[in-house]
Amino acid sequence: MLAIANTNIFAAMGKFAHDTITPLKNSSLSKKEQVADMFDSIAFRYDFLNRFLSAGIDIWWRKKAIKQLSSLQPKHVLDVATGTADVALMTYDALKPEKITGIDISEGMLDLGRKKIAARGLENTIKLYTGDSENIGFKENTFDAVTVSFGVRNFQNLSKGLEEMRRVLKPGGKLVVLEFSKPKDSLFKGFYNLYMNHIAPGFGKMFAKNKDAYQYLNDSVQAFPEGDRFLGIMQEAGFKQTYLQSLTFGICTIYCGIK
């Protein structure tokens, strides 16, 4: 009951604990501005570090998330926080929708995504735009499905972002969120904390010249309202038939809901 009460208090304030977690502690920039700058700075190493730091399992996580849309067979998909377009491209491969639209606040990430799309000859099917998850520039009831992978932690206002994604979904449309979470197993948790607190930031500094970005990853995961709390926040945003699926000892979770 206390967790639910705290969630409702934060929702009424329009803030959750992770909303205030920023890449830099002493900056006058908003979280949104800091996140955009952070991803611009690590874009050139982002795909490599994803594969390296997860030993490639992040690809399986993304494919599992996309599979949640198989029965829906969406014709037009919006990928929020699309980054370098990994999920957009995997969605095309798995579901062959007529159109995929990706939005992100980082131009550096989008530039790399556009190059990957061009290399596949999919410029007419997958289009990427600079866009804000909390102010999505499309009319309501536009998309059959919305995906967001490892992006909701970066929202400056989680509730507003969820409400915006629901707004642009068609009735009966589905939201699929893939996000990091914390393992529950006590033995695995010790290794996980060591990895997130020390190993990942160390490799971030070595390869991307940006330790803060990977320290922010851990800080934002620790503060994120995961599990049933996040399902409750989705429900407050208007989603129905919500459910979750935990992956890989609980270090990643898929969340789904219907408009």
C-alpha atoms as a PDB file:
ATOM      1  CA  MET A   1       0.000   0.000   0.000  1.00  0.00           C
ATOM      2  CA  LEU A   2       2.849   2.394   0.804  1.00  0.00           C
ATOM      3  CA  ALA A   3       4.431   1.927  -2.650  1.00  0.00           C
ATOM      4  CA  ILE A   4       1.107   2.676  -4.332  1.00  0.00           C
ATOM      5  CA  ALA A   5       0.584   5.738  -2.140  1.00  0.00           C
ATOM      6  CA  ASN A   6       4.052   7.044  -2.981  1.00  0.00           C
ATOM      7  CA  THR A   7       3.415   6.479  -6.687  1.00  0.00           C
ATOM      8  CA  ASN A   8       0.198   8.479  -6.486  1.00  0.00           C
ATOM      9  CA  ILE A   9       1.922  11.322  -4.625  1.00  0.00           C
ATOM     10  CA  PHE A  10       4.652  11.531  -7.286  1.00  0.00           C
ATOM     11  CA  ALA A  11       2.060  11.334 -10.065  1.00  0.00           C
ATOM     12  CA  ALA A  12       0.099  14.219  -8.559  1.00  0.00           C
ATOM     13  CA  MET A  13       3.305  16.253  -8.496  1.00  0.00           C
ATOM     14  CA  GLY A  14       4.080  15.252 -12.098  1.00  0.00           C
ATOM     15  CA  LYS A  15       7.439  13.837 -10.965  1.00  0.00           C
ATOM     16  CA  PHE A  16       8.913  10.453 -10.143  1.00  0.00           C
ATOM     17  CA  ALA A  17      12.268   9.913  -8.481  1.00  0.00           C
ATOM     18  CA  HIS A  18      14.026   9.018 -11.738  1.00  0.00           C
ATOM     19  CA  ASP A  19      12.675  12.170 -13.435  1.00  0.00           C
ATOM     20  CA  THR A  20      15.204  14.181 -11.416  1.00  0.00           C
ATOM     21  CA  ILE A  21      18.209  11.905 -12.139  1.00  0.00           C
ATOM     22  CA  THR A  22      20.483  13.679 -14.615  1.00  0.00           C
ATOM     23  CA  PRO A  23      23.782  12.810 -16.331  1.00  0.00           C
ATOM     24  CA  LEU A  24      25.518  15.796 -14.735  1.00  0.00           C
ATOM     25  CA  LYS A  25      25.072  16.838 -11.128  1.00  0.00           C
ATOM     26  CA  ASN A  26      26.155  20.469 -11.517  1.00  0.00           C
ATOM     27  CA  SER A  27      24.510  21.702 -14.692  1.00  0.00           C
ATOM     28  CA  SER A  28      21.952  24.408 -15.359  1.00  0.00           C
ATOM     29  CA  LEU A  29      20.565  22.422 -18.300  1.00  0.00           C
ATOM     30  CA  SER A  30      17.306  20.498 -17.983  1.00  0.00           C
ATOM     31  CA  LYS A  31      17.365  16.697 -17.881  1.00  0.00           C
ATOM     32  CA  LYS A  32      16.104  16.620 -21.476  1.00  0.00           C
ATOM     33  CA  GLU A  33      18.915  18.881 -22.668  1.00  0.00           C
ATOM     34  CA  GLN A  34      21.541  16.927 -20.747  1.00  0.00           C
ATOM     35  CA  VAL A  35      20.299  13.605 -22.125  1.00  0.00           C
ATOM     36  CA  ALA A  36      20.389  14.928 -25.697  1.00  0.00           C
ATOM     37  CA  ASP A  37      23.960  16.196 -25.210  1.00  0.00           C
ATOM     38  CA  MET A  38      24.996  12.930 -23.564  1.00  0.00           C
ATOM     39  CA  PHE A  39      23.744  10.773 -26.435  1.00  0.00           C
ATOM     40  CA  ASP A  40      25.258  13.124 -29.011  1.00  0.00           C
ATOM     41  CA  SER A  41      28.619  12.643 -27.296  1.00  0.00           C
ATOM     42  CA  ILE A  42      28.489   8.829 -27.155  1.00  0.00           C
ATOM     43  CA  ALA A  43      26.624   8.170 -30.421  1.00  0.00           C
ATOM     44  CA  PHE A  44      29.776   7.080 -32.263  1.00  0.00           C
ATOM     45  CA  ARG A  45      30.298   4.229 -29.758  1.00  0.00           C
ATOM     46  CA  TYR A  46      26.686   3.561 -28.710  1.00  0.00           C
ATOM     47  CA  ASP A  47      25.972   0.438 -30.785  1.00  0.00           C
ATOM     48  CA  PHE A  48      29.375  -1.067 -30.033  1.00  0.00           C
ATOM     49  CA  LEU A  49      29.028  -0.544 -26.282  1.00  0.00           C
ATOM     50  CA  ASN A  50      25.485  -1.964 -26.265  1.00  0.00           C
ATOM     51  CA  ARG A  51      26.728  -5.178 -27.851  1.00  0.00           C
ATOM     52  CA  PHE A  52      29.933  -5.269 -25.796  1.00  0.00           C
ATOM     53  CA  LEU A  53      28.501  -4.474 -22.365  1.00  0.00           C
ATOM     54  CA  SER A  54      25.536  -6.857 -22.764  1.00  0.00           C
ATOM     55  CA  ALA A  55      27.509  -9.594 -24.555  1.00  0.00           C
ATOM     56  CA  GLY A  56      24.979  -9.219 -27.368  1.00  0.00           C
ATOM     57  CA  ILE A  57      21.959 -10.170 -25.271  1.00  0.00           C
ATOM     58  CA  ASP A  58      20.410  -6.738 -25.835  1.00  0.00           C
ATOM     59  CA  ILE A  59      19.528  -7.883 -29.370  1.00  0.00           C
ATOM     60  CA  TRP A  60      17.517 -10.789 -27.937  1.00  0.00           C
ATOM     61  CA  TRP A  61      15.786  -8.418 -25.500  1.00  0.00           C
ATOM     62  CA  ARG A  62      14.713  -6.137 -28.352  1.00  0.00           C
ATOM     63  CA  LYS A  63      13.445  -9.063 -30.436  1.00  0.00           C
ATOM     64  CA  LYS A  64      11.425 -10.349 -27.465  1.00  0.00           C
ATOM     65  CA  ALA A  65       9.845  -6.919 -27.070  1.00  0.00           C
ATOM     66  CA  ILE A  66       8.949  -6.642 -30.761  1.00  0.00           C
ATOM     67  CA  LYS A  67       7.391 -10.119 -30.624  1.00  0.00           C
ATOM     68  CA  GLN A  68       4.719  -8.659 -28.326  1.00  0.00           C
ATOM     69  CA  LEU A  69       3.273  -7.026 -31.475  1.00  0.00           C
ATOM     70  CA  SER A  70       3.134 -10.193 -33.590  1.00  0.00           C
ATOM     71  CA  SER A  71      -0.588 -10.852 -33.132  1.00  0.00           C
ATOM     72  CA  LEU A  72      -1.427  -7.194 -33.775  1.00  0.00           C
ATOM     73  CA  GLN A  73       0.435  -7.016 -37.109  1.00  0.00           C
ATOM     74  CA  PRO A  74       0.642  -3.192 -37.016  1.00  0.00           C
ATOM     75  CA  LYS A  75       0.799  -1.255 -40.277  1.00  0.00           C
ATOM     76  CA  HIS A  76       2.268   1.960 -38.835  1.00  0.00           C
ATOM     77  CA  VAL A  77       4.644   1.836 -35.857  1.00  0.00           C
ATOM     78  CA  LEU A  78       6.131   4.715 -33.864  1.00  0.00           C
ATOM     79  CA  ASP A  79       9.500   4.027 -32.215  1.00  0.00           C
ATOM     80  CA  VAL A  80      10.075   6.583 -29.457  1.00  0.00           C
ATOM     81  CA  ALA A  81      13.669   7.303 -28.383  1.00  0.00           C
ATOM     82  CA  THR A  82      14.679   5.412 -31.513  1.00  0.00           C
ATOM     83  CA  GLY A  83      18.380   6.258 -31.147  1.00  0.00           C
ATOM     84  CA  THR A  84      20.360   4.589 -33.933  1.00  0.00           C
ATOM     85  CA  ALA A  85      17.210   2.826 -35.199  1.00  0.00           C
ATOM     86  CA  ASP A  86      18.013  -0.673 -33.918  1.00  0.00           C
ATOM     87  CA  VAL A  87      14.418  -1.385 -32.894  1.00  0.00           C
ATOM     88  CA  ALA A  88      12.990   0.283 -35.999  1.00  0.00           C
ATOM     89  CA  LEU A  89      15.085  -1.976 -38.226  1.00  0.00           C
ATOM     90  CA  MET A  90      14.339  -5.090 -36.160  1.00  0.00           C
ATOM     91  CA  THR A  91      10.627  -4.258 -36.260  1.00  0.00           C
ATOM     92  CA  TYR A  92      10.776  -4.112 -40.042  1.00  0.00           C
ATOM     93  CA  ASP A  93      12.561  -7.458 -40.204  1.00  0.00           C
ATOM     94  CA  ALA A  94      10.118  -9.162 -37.824  1.00  0.00           C
ATOM     95  CA  LEU A  95       6.762  -7.632 -38.763  1.00  0.00           C
ATOM     96  CA  LYS A  96       7.150  -5.879 -42.145  1.00  0.00           C
ATOM     97  CA  PRO A  97       4.846  -2.949 -41.295  1.00  0.00           C
ATOM     98  CA  GLU A  98       4.018  -0.542 -44.110  1.00  0.00           C
ATOM     99  CA  LYS A  99       5.612   2.369 -42.268  1.00  0.00           C
ATOM    100  CA  ILE A 100       7.867   2.917 -39.256  1.00  0.00           C
ATOM    101  CA  THR A 101       8.458   6.359 -37.769  1.00  0.00           C
ATOM    102  CA  GLY A 102      11.249   6.971 -35.277  1.00  0.00           C
ATOM    103  CA  ILE A 103      11.738  10.026 -33.069  1.00  0.00           C
ATOM    104  CA  ASP A 104      14.618  11.013 -30.795  1.00  0.00           C
ATOM    105  CA  ILE A 105      16.019  14.160 -29.183  1.00  0.00           C
ATOM    106  CA  SER A 106      19.621  13.324 -30.160  1.00  0.00           C
ATOM    107  CA  GLU A 107      20.625  14.389 -33.670  1.00  0.00           C
ATOM    108  CA  GLY A 108      23.891  12.494 -33.309  1.00  0.00           C
ATOM    109  CA  MET A 109      22.035   9.212 -32.771  1.00  0.00           C
ATOM    110  CA  LEU A 110      19.561   9.949 -35.568  1.00  0.00           C
ATOM    111  CA  ASP A 111      22.362  10.627 -38.060  1.00  0.00           C
ATOM    112  CA  LEU A 112      23.782   7.161 -37.420  1.00  0.00           C
ATOM    113  CA  GLY A 113      20.324   5.619 -37.614  1.00  0.00           C
ATOM    114  CA  ARG A 114      19.649   7.215 -40.995  1.00  0.00           C
ATOM    115  CA  LYS A 115      22.910   5.797 -42.345  1.00  0.00           C
ATOM    116  CA  LYS A 116      21.933   2.295 -41.203  1.00  0.00           C
ATOM    117  CA  ILE A 117      18.501   2.669 -42.816  1.00  0.00           C
ATOM    118  CA  ALA A 118      20.029   3.923 -46.080  1.00  0.00           C
ATOM    119  CA  ALA A 119      22.446   0.983 -46.130  1.00  0.00           C
ATOM    120  CA  ARG A 120      19.408  -1.313 -46.074  1.00  0.00           C
ATOM    121  CA  GLY A 121      17.574   0.700 -48.754  1.00  0.00           C
ATOM    122  CA  LEU A 122      14.643   1.329 -46.403  1.00  0.00           C
ATOM    123  CA  GLU A 123      14.433   5.127 -46.558  1.00  0.00           C
ATOM    124  CA  ASN A 124      10.863   4.991 -47.912  1.00  0.00           C
ATOM    125  CA  THR A 125       9.671   2.688 -45.126  1.00  0.00           C
ATOM    126  CA  ILE A 126      11.548   3.926 -42.044  1.00  0.00           C
ATOM    127  CA  LYS A 127      11.769   7.662 -41.429  1.00  0.00           C
ATOM    128  CA  LEU A 128      13.495   9.313 -38.480  1.00  0.00           C
ATOM    129  CA  TYR A 129      12.713  12.746 -37.050  1.00  0.00           C
ATOM    130  CA  THR A 130      13.948  14.935 -34.247  1.00  0.00           C
ATOM    131  CA  GLY A 131      11.160  14.619 -31.720  1.00  0.00           C
ATOM    132  CA  ASP A 132      10.300  14.923 -28.046  1.00  0.00           C
ATOM    133  CA  SER A 133       8.563  12.000 -26.347  1.00  0.00           C
ATOM    134  CA  GLU A 134       6.642  14.403 -24.131  1.00  0.00           C
ATOM    135  CA  ASN A 135       5.356  16.485 -27.043  1.00  0.00           C
ATOM    136  CA  ILE A 136       4.964  14.060 -29.957  1.00  0.00           C
ATOM    137  CA  GLY A 137       4.335  15.951 -33.177  1.00  0.00           C
ATOM    138  CA  PHE A 138       1.612  13.710 -34.586  1.00  0.00           C
ATOM    139  CA  LYS A 139      -2.177  13.780 -34.387  1.00  0.00           C
ATOM    140  CA  GLU A 140      -4.025  11.541 -31.976  1.00  0.00           C
ATOM    141  CA  ASN A 141      -5.002   8.060 -33.187  1.00  0.00           C
ATOM    142  CA  THR A 142      -2.155   7.920 -35.736  1.00  0.00           C
ATOM    143  CA  PHE A 143      -0.227   4.726 -34.922  1.00  0.00           C
ATOM    144  CA  ASP A 144      -1.156   1.063 -34.562  1.00  0.00           C
ATOM    145  CA  ALA A 145       1.701   0.470 -32.119  1.00  0.00           C
ATOM    146  CA  VAL A 146       4.321   2.404 -30.170  1.00  0.00           C
ATOM    147  CA  THR A 147       7.639   0.988 -28.996  1.00  0.00           C
ATOM    148  CA  VAL A 148      10.244   2.514 -26.711  1.00  0.00           C
ATOM    149  CA  SER A 149      13.416   0.640 -25.758  1.00  0.00           C
ATOM    150  CA  PHE A 150      15.620   1.824 -22.898  1.00  0.00           C
ATOM    151  CA  GLY A 151      14.124   5.288 -23.271  1.00  0.00           C
ATOM    152  CA  VAL A 152      11.472   5.893 -20.617  1.00  0.00           C
ATOM    153  CA  ARG A 153      14.128   6.304 -17.902  1.00  0.00           C
ATOM    154  CA  ASN A 154      15.306   9.345 -19.838  1.00  0.00           C
ATOM    155  CA  PHE A 155      11.926  11.067 -19.900  1.00  0.00           C
ATOM    156  CA  GLN A 156      11.902  14.328 -18.008  1.00  0.00           C
ATOM    157  CA  ASN A 157       8.240  13.746 -17.121  1.00  0.00           C
ATOM    158  CA  LEU A 158       7.319  10.051 -17.206  1.00  0.00           C
ATOM    159  CA  SER A 159       3.564  10.501 -16.860  1.00  0.00           C
ATOM    160  CA  LYS A 160       3.433  13.068 -19.648  1.00  0.00           C
ATOM    161  CA  GLY A 161       5.483  10.837 -21.942  1.00  0.00           C
ATOM    162  CA  LEU A 162       3.153   7.887 -21.364  1.00  0.00           C
ATOM    163  CA  GLU A 163       0.089  10.059 -21.914  1.00  0.00           C
ATOM    164  CA  GLU A 164       1.549  11.358 -25.186  1.00  0.00           C
ATOM    165  CA  MET A 165       2.267   7.857 -26.444  1.00  0.00           C
ATOM    166  CA  ARG A 166      -1.283   6.831 -25.608  1.00  0.00           C
ATOM    167  CA  ARG A 167      -2.652   9.914 -27.360  1.00  0.00           C
ATOM    168  CA  VAL A 168      -1.029   9.076 -30.706  1.00  0.00           C
ATOM    169  CA  LEU A 169      -2.057   5.409 -30.537  1.00  0.00           C
ATOM    170  CA  LYS A 170      -5.203   4.300 -32.317  1.00  0.00           C
ATOM    171  CA  PRO A 171      -7.899   2.700 -30.126  1.00  0.00           C
ATOM    172  CA  GLY A 172      -6.844  -0.911 -29.664  1.00  0.00           C
ATOM    173  CA  GLY A 173      -3.233   0.035 -30.359  1.00  0.00           C
ATOM    174  CA  LYS A 174      -0.441  -1.342 -28.186  1.00  0.00           C
ATOM    175  CA  LEU A 175       2.468   0.210 -26.311  1.00  0.00           C
ATOM    176  CA  VAL A 176       5.565  -1.935 -25.750  1.00  0.00           C
ATOM    177  CA  VAL A 177       8.214  -0.624 -23.357  1.00  0.00           C
ATOM    178  CA  LEU A 178      11.587  -2.321 -22.875  1.00  0.00           C
ATOM    179  CA  GLU A 179      13.544  -1.063 -19.908  1.00  0.00           C
ATOM    180  CA  PHE A 180      16.283  -2.009 -17.478  1.00  0.00           C
ATOM    181  CA  SER A 181      15.273  -3.251 -14.037  1.00  0.00           C
ATOM    182  CA  LYS A 182      17.013  -4.592 -10.946  1.00  0.00           C
ATOM    183  CA  PRO A 183      17.512  -8.337 -10.368  1.00  0.00           C
ATOM    184  CA  LYS A 184      15.804  -9.901  -7.340  1.00  0.00           C
ATOM    185  CA  ASP A 185      18.140 -12.875  -6.854  1.00  0.00           C
ATOM    186  CA  SER A 186      20.526 -12.011  -3.994  1.00  0.00           C
ATOM    187  CA  LEU A 187      23.508 -13.861  -5.491  1.00  0.00           C
ATOM    188  CA  PHE A 188      23.166 -12.285  -8.911  1.00  0.00           C
ATOM    189  CA  LYS A 189      22.392  -8.864  -7.419  1.00  0.00           C
ATOM    190  CA  GLY A 190      25.916  -8.524  -5.988  1.00  0.00           C
ATOM    191  CA  PHE A 191      27.559  -9.075  -9.372  1.00  0.00           C
ATOM    192  CA  TYR A 192      24.996  -6.811 -11.039  1.00  0.00           C
ATOM    193  CA  ASN A 193      25.729  -3.932  -8.645  1.00  0.00           C
ATOM    194  CA  LEU A 194      29.479  -4.330  -9.159  1.00  0.00           C
ATOM    195  CA  TYR A 195      29.000  -4.324 -12.912  1.00  0.00           C
ATOM    196  CA  MET A 196      26.693  -1.296 -13.033  1.00  0.00           C
ATOM    197  CA  ASN A 197      28.605   0.773 -10.479  1.00  0.00           C
ATOM    198  CA  HIS A 198      32.154   0.131 -11.650  1.00  0.00           C
ATOM    199  CA  ILE A 199      32.606  -2.004 -14.759  1.00  0.00           C
ATOM    200  CA  ALA A 200      30.122  -0.298 -17.116  1.00  0.00           C
ATOM    201  CA  PRO A 201      31.224   3.270 -16.208  1.00  0.00           C
ATOM    202  CA  GLY A 202      34.842   2.174 -16.620  1.00  0.00           C
ATOM    203  CA  PHE A 203      34.270   0.840 -20.111  1.00  0.00           C
ATOM    204  CA  GLY A 204      32.198   3.934 -20.907  1.00  0.00           C
ATOM    205  CA  LYS A 205      35.172   6.104 -20.013  1.00  0.00           C
ATOM    206  CA  MET A 206      37.564   3.892 -21.968  1.00  0.00           C
ATOM    207  CA  PHE A 207      35.619   3.560 -25.220  1.00  0.00           C
ATOM    208  CA  ALA A 208      33.222   6.517 -25.316  1.00  0.00           C
ATOM    209  CA  LYS A 209      35.339   8.953 -23.273  1.00  0.00           C
ATOM    210  CA  ASN A 210      32.239   9.525 -21.130  1.00  0.00           C
ATOM    211  CA  LYS A 211      32.073   7.858 -17.712  1.00  0.00           C
ATOM    212  CA  ASP A 212      29.168  10.071 -16.616  1.00  0.00           C
ATOM    213  CA  ALA A 213      26.861   8.561 -19.242  1.00  0.00           C
ATOM    214  CA  TYR A 214      27.273   5.062 -17.855  1.00  0.00           C
ATOM    215  CA  GLN A 215      27.125   6.195 -14.246  1.00  0.00           C
ATOM    216  CA  TYR A 216      23.858   7.914 -15.183  1.00  0.00           C
ATOM    217  CA  LEU A 217      22.668   4.572 -16.583  1.00  0.00           C
ATOM    218  CA  ASN A 218      23.043   2.966 -13.167  1.00  0.00           C
ATOM    219  CA  ASP A 219      21.653   5.922 -11.222  1.00  0.00           C
ATOM    220  CA  SER A 220      18.541   6.137 -13.402  1.00  0.00           C
ATOM    221  CA  VAL A 221      17.951   2.359 -13.249  1.00  0.00           C
ATOM    222  CA  GLN A 222      18.175   2.453  -9.447  1.00  0.00           C
ATOM    223  CA  ALA A 223      15.580   5.235  -9.235  1.00  0.00           C
ATOM    224  CA  PHE A 224      13.174   3.937 -11.890  1.00  0.00           C
ATOM    225  CA  PRO A 225       9.704   2.784 -10.665  1.00  0.00           C
ATOM    226  CA  GLU A 226       9.914  -0.729 -12.075  1.00  0.00           C
ATOM    227  CA  GLY A 227       7.666  -3.784 -12.033  1.00  0.00           C
ATOM    228  CA  ASP A 228       4.109  -3.457 -10.777  1.00  0.00           C
ATOM    229  CA  ARG A 229       4.735   0.206  -9.894  1.00  0.00           C
ATOM    230  CA  PHE A 230       5.382   0.994 -13.546  1.00  0.00           C
ATOM    231  CA  LEU A 231       2.292  -0.955 -14.615  1.00  0.00           C
ATOM    232  CA  GLY A 232       0.330   1.198 -12.166  1.00  0.00           C
ATOM    233  CA  ILE A 233       1.737   4.360 -13.764  1.00  0.00           C
ATOM    234  CA  MET A 234       0.761   3.043 -17.215  1.00  0.00           C
ATOM    235  CA  GLN A 235      -2.752   2.407 -15.930  1.00  0.00           C
ATOM    236  CA  GLU A 236      -2.953   5.943 -14.522  1.00  0.00           C
ATOM    237  CA  ALA A 237      -1.970   7.190 -17.997  1.00  0.00           C
ATOM    238  CA  GLY A 238      -4.987   5.346 -19.411  1.00  0.00           C
ATOM    239  CA  PHE A 239      -3.570   2.019 -20.595  1.00  0.00           C
ATOM    240  CA  LYS A 240      -5.592  -1.179 -20.170  1.00  0.00           C
ATOM    241  CA  GLN A 241      -4.701  -4.886 -20.171  1.00  0.00           C
ATOM    242  CA  THR A 242      -1.234  -4.088 -18.861  1.00  0.00           C
ATOM    243  CA  TYR A 243       1.278  -6.829 -18.216  1.00  0.00           C
ATOM    244  CA  LEU A 244       5.020  -7.327 -17.823  1.00  0.00           C
ATOM    245  CA  GLN A 245       7.586  -9.967 -18.707  1.00  0.00           C
ATOM    246  CA  SER A 246      10.870 -10.183 -16.807  1.00  0.00           C
ATOM    247  CA  LEU A 247      14.007 -11.132 -18.762  1.00  0.00           C
ATOM    248  CA  THR A 248      17.481 -12.434 -17.837  1.00  0.00           C
ATOM    249  CA  PHE A 249      17.259 -12.715 -14.032  1.00  0.00           C
ATOM    250  CA  GLY A 250      15.209  -9.508 -13.922  1.00  0.00           C
ATOM    251  CA  ILE A 251      17.816  -7.099 -15.316  1.00  0.00           C
ATOM    252  CA  CYS A 252      15.440  -6.165 -18.122  1.00  0.00           C
ATOM    253  CA  THR A 253      11.626  -6.027 -18.304  1.00  0.00           C
ATOM    254  CA  ILE A 254       9.030  -5.736 -21.064  1.00  0.00           C
ATOM    255  CA  TYR A 255       5.907  -3.726 -20.210  1.00  0.00           C
ATOM    256  CA  CYS A 256       2.801  -3.699 -22.428  1.00  0.00           C
ATOM    257  CA  GLY A 257      -0.540  -1.943 -22.469  1.00  0.00           C
ATOM    258  CA  ILE A 258      -3.491  -1.313 -24.800  1.00  0.00           C
ATOM    259  CA  LYS A 259      -5.286   1.947 -25.618  1.00  0.00           C
END
